[in-house]
Amino acid sequence: FASFVAPFGGFLASAIKRAYAIKDFDSLIPGHGGMMDRFDCQLLMALCTWVHYNTFVSMATVSVPKMLYMYNLLNESEQGEFLTRITELSKGN
């Protein structure tokens, strides 16, 4: 996946440079293309990694405010079923 996605970071940086007629991002390391030219692929991979982690890896946290919000999104029959099941769970059945 990384070997497929990473080059697009370089393509994106090149497109930005062409759009603004910049030869390279050399403000930090003159003559070496700058830090952006060194890490352009990593920036796109960082975004892809973040999306993958938050979508597939991280555990969803459950809090009382989140549960109340989700409860309010249910219709009346679903709210009744929810309350019945919560009551059963609290009694240990």
Protein backbone atom coordinates (compact mmCIF):
# COMPACT_ATOMS: atom_id res chain seq x y z
CA PHE A 1 0.00 0.00 0.00
CA ALA A 2 2.71 2.45 0.99
CA SER A 3 4.71 1.85 -2.17
CA PHE A 4 1.58 2.60 -4.18
CA VAL A 5 0.44 5.74 -2.31
CA ALA A 6 3.74 7.40 -1.36
CA PRO A 7 4.73 8.59 -4.86
CA PHE A 8 1.52 10.61 -5.05
CA GLY A 9 2.89 12.83 -2.27
CA GLY A 10 5.76 13.70 -4.60
CA PHE A 11 3.33 14.32 -7.44
CA LEU A 12 1.27 16.59 -5.20
CA ALA A 13 4.32 18.59 -4.14
CA SER A 14 5.42 18.90 -7.77
CA ALA A 15 1.98 20.16 -8.75
CA ILE A 16 2.09 22.79 -6.01
CA LYS A 17 5.56 23.91 -7.13
CA ARG A 18 4.45 24.15 -10.76
CA ALA A 19 1.30 26.08 -9.83
CA TYR A 20 3.32 28.70 -7.95
CA ALA A 21 6.38 28.64 -10.27
CA ILE A 22 8.71 27.56 -7.47
CA LYS A 23 11.85 25.63 -8.38
CA ASP A 24 12.10 23.93 -5.00
CA PHE A 25 11.26 24.45 -1.35
CA ASP A 26 14.83 25.34 -0.38
CA SER A 27 14.39 27.74 2.54
CA LEU A 28 15.81 25.36 5.19
CA ILE A 29 18.50 23.48 3.24
CA PRO A 30 19.64 25.65 0.31
CA GLY A 31 20.62 23.59 -2.72
CA HIS A 32 19.04 20.40 -1.39
CA GLY A 33 15.45 21.03 -2.35
CA GLY A 34 14.41 21.91 1.17
CA MET A 35 12.65 19.89 3.82
CA MET A 36 9.40 19.70 1.88
CA ASP A 37 11.16 18.05 -1.06
CA ARG A 38 12.68 15.52 1.35
CA PHE A 39 9.43 14.63 3.10
CA ASP A 40 6.67 15.20 0.53
CA CYS A 41 5.92 11.47 0.22
CA GLN A 42 5.80 11.06 3.98
CA LEU A 43 3.17 13.79 4.35
CA LEU A 44 0.69 11.96 2.15
CA MET A 45 1.53 8.65 3.85
CA ALA A 46 0.94 10.27 7.25
CA LEU A 47 -2.55 11.25 6.12
CA CYS A 48 -3.25 7.74 4.77
CA THR A 49 -1.91 6.17 7.96
CA TRP A 50 -4.08 8.42 10.12
CA VAL A 51 -7.21 7.59 8.11
CA HIS A 52 -6.43 3.85 8.20
CA TYR A 53 -5.75 3.89 11.95
CA ASN A 54 -8.90 5.83 12.82
CA THR A 55 -11.06 3.75 10.48
CA PHE A 56 -9.84 0.22 11.13
CA VAL A 57 -7.52 0.05 14.14
CA SER A 58 -8.53 2.38 16.95
CA MET A 59 -11.16 1.31 19.41
CA ALA A 60 -14.28 3.43 19.56
CA THR A 61 -14.73 5.07 22.93
CA VAL A 62 -18.13 5.04 24.54
CA SER A 63 -19.20 7.74 26.94
CA VAL A 64 -22.47 8.67 28.59
CA PRO A 65 -22.92 11.83 26.47
CA LYS A 66 -22.33 9.79 23.27
CA MET A 67 -24.84 7.16 24.39
CA LEU A 68 -27.45 9.81 25.19
CA TYR A 69 -26.90 11.45 21.82
CA MET A 70 -27.30 8.11 20.02
CA TYR A 71 -30.36 7.26 22.15
CA ASN A 72 -32.05 10.50 21.05
CA LEU A 73 -31.49 9.53 17.40
CA LEU A 74 -33.57 6.35 17.83
CA ASN A 75 -37.30 6.28 17.12
CA GLU A 76 -39.76 5.51 19.96
CA SER A 77 -39.94 1.75 19.40
CA GLU A 78 -36.13 1.48 19.25
CA GLN A 79 -35.84 3.57 22.42
CA GLY A 80 -38.28 1.20 24.16
CA GLU A 81 -36.29 -1.85 23.04
CA PHE A 82 -33.06 -0.19 24.17
CA LEU A 83 -34.47 0.55 27.62
CA THR A 84 -35.80 -3.01 27.94
CA ARG A 85 -32.43 -4.51 27.10
CA ILE A 86 -30.53 -2.11 29.38
CA THR A 87 -32.90 -3.02 32.22
CA GLU A 88 -32.31 -6.73 31.57
CA LEU A 89 -28.56 -6.21 31.59
CA SER A 90 -28.67 -4.26 34.83
CA LYS A 91 -30.67 -7.08 36.51
CA GLY A 92 -28.12 -9.63 35.32
CA ASN A 93 -30.42 -11.64 33.01
